[in-house]
Protein backbone atom coordinates (compact mmCIF):
# COMPACT_ATOMS: atom_id res chain seq x y z
CA MET A 1 -41.48 34.51 -50.14
CA PRO A 2 -38.42 35.08 -52.74
CA LYS A 3 -36.18 31.65 -53.41
CA ASP A 4 -33.47 33.93 -51.81
CA GLN A 5 -34.90 34.46 -48.32
CA LYS A 6 -35.66 30.95 -48.17
CA LEU A 7 -32.28 29.64 -48.56
CA LYS A 8 -31.15 32.73 -45.84
CA LEU A 9 -33.58 31.47 -43.55
CA LYS A 10 -32.08 27.33 -44.42
CA LEU A 11 -28.52 28.70 -44.01
CA LYS A 12 -29.43 30.30 -40.05
CA LYS A 13 -31.12 27.35 -38.98
CA ASN A 14 -28.11 24.93 -40.22
CA ASN A 15 -25.63 27.34 -38.63
CA LYS A 16 -27.72 27.39 -35.15
CA ALA A 17 -27.26 23.33 -35.49
CA LEU A 18 -23.65 23.38 -36.34
CA LEU A 19 -23.30 25.78 -33.20
CA PHE A 20 -24.99 23.23 -31.37
CA LEU A 21 -23.48 20.11 -32.18
CA VAL A 22 -19.59 21.84 -32.88
CA PRO A 23 -18.89 21.87 -29.18
CA ILE A 24 -21.22 18.61 -28.40
CA MET A 25 -19.00 16.22 -31.02
CA ALA A 26 -15.71 18.25 -29.58
CA ILE A 27 -16.31 17.02 -26.34
CA ALA A 28 -17.60 13.75 -27.14
CA LEU A 29 -14.28 13.78 -29.11
CA GLY A 30 -12.26 14.82 -26.25
CA VAL A 31 -14.12 11.76 -24.00
CA CYS A 32 -13.10 9.36 -26.46
CA LEU A 33 -9.20 10.15 -26.37
CA TYR A 34 -9.18 10.31 -22.63
CA ASN A 35 -10.72 7.31 -22.34
CA PHE A 36 -8.41 5.62 -25.13
CA ILE A 37 -5.19 6.96 -22.89
CA ALA A 38 -6.69 5.40 -19.87
CA VAL A 39 -6.67 2.60 -21.30
CA GLN A 40 -3.69 2.97 -22.87
CA VAL A 41 -2.20 3.40 -19.20
CA GLU A 42 -3.72 0.57 -18.36
CA ILE A 43 -2.40 -2.28 -21.10
CA SER A 44 0.52 -0.66 -20.40
CA GLN A 45 -0.05 -1.37 -16.27
CA LYS A 46 -0.84 -4.73 -17.17
CA ASN A 47 2.21 -5.77 -19.06
CA SER A 48 4.63 -4.63 -16.55
CA GLU A 49 2.62 -6.69 -13.85
CA LEU A 50 3.05 -9.71 -16.46
CA GLN A 51 6.88 -9.36 -16.40
CA GLN A 52 6.51 -9.52 -12.74
CA ILE A 53 4.63 -12.12 -12.63
CA ALA A 54 6.69 -14.28 -15.57
CA ALA A 55 9.79 -13.94 -13.36
CA GLN A 56 8.09 -15.06 -9.95
CA ARG A 57 6.93 -17.91 -12.26
CA GLU A 58 10.71 -19.06 -13.25
CA VAL A 59 11.81 -18.72 -9.64
CA VAL A 60 9.03 -20.82 -8.62
CA ASP A 61 9.64 -23.44 -11.49
CA ALA A 62 13.16 -23.60 -10.98
CA GLU A 63 12.78 -24.09 -7.59
CA ASN A 64 10.41 -27.33 -8.49
CA GLU A 65 12.52 -28.87 -10.60
CA MET A 66 15.04 -28.65 -7.83
CA LEU A 67 12.30 -29.89 -5.67
CA ILE A 68 11.30 -32.76 -8.20
CA ARG A 69 14.85 -33.67 -8.66
CA TYR A 70 15.52 -34.28 -4.90
CA SER A 71 12.17 -35.88 -3.94
CA LYS A 72 13.35 -39.01 -6.02
CA GLU A 73 15.05 -41.90 -3.89
CA GLU A 74 18.38 -41.53 -5.82
CA ASN A 75 18.68 -37.79 -4.71
CA LYS A 76 17.76 -37.95 -1.35
CA SER A 77 20.95 -38.53 0.02
CA GLU A 78 22.72 -35.37 -1.69
CA TYR A 79 19.48 -33.66 -0.60
CA ILE A 80 20.48 -34.27 2.48
CA GLU A 81 23.85 -33.21 2.69
CA GLU A 82 23.20 -30.60 1.13
CA ILE A 83 20.73 -29.61 3.68
CA ALA A 84 23.43 -30.18 6.29
CA ARG A 85 26.10 -28.40 5.00
CA ASP A 86 24.36 -25.27 3.90
CA LYS A 87 21.67 -24.34 6.50
CA LEU A 88 23.19 -26.18 9.89
CA GLY A 89 26.93 -25.58 8.71
CA TYR A 90 27.63 -29.17 9.23
CA ALA A 91 30.96 -31.08 7.04
CA LYS A 92 32.27 -34.55 6.41
CA PRO A 93 35.00 -35.45 8.67
CA GLU A 94 37.94 -35.07 5.91
CA GLU A 95 36.30 -31.95 4.94
CA ARG A 96 37.45 -28.36 5.75
CA ILE A 97 35.16 -24.96 5.90
CA TYR A 98 36.93 -21.90 4.86
CA TYR A 99 34.63 -19.08 5.80
CA ILE A 100 35.33 -15.85 4.18
CA VAL A 101 34.80 -12.34 5.79
CA PRO A 102 34.81 -9.39 3.76
CA ALA A 103 37.65 -6.45 5.15
CA ASP A 104 35.60 -3.52 5.95
């Protein structure tokens, strides 16, 4: 066989292999790209969830600090007064309570 024909046969084999590999590589690249985008979306959602949980934690921490402060012996009477005023509507004898009613 002449050298020219051997070269042509090799090129045909390479072209067939290339025709087979290019679509497979394109599909693999597409799958990788899809997975990358899906992971980025999930990361974004988790970051949003983390921010919400951090905000909830700040509220709970503030409430815990208030409860710790009121649990100390010297602050118990202050806590009882606050509950009586805010929750039960009580007032000391010399106090006047004004309620602001919004105009409709």
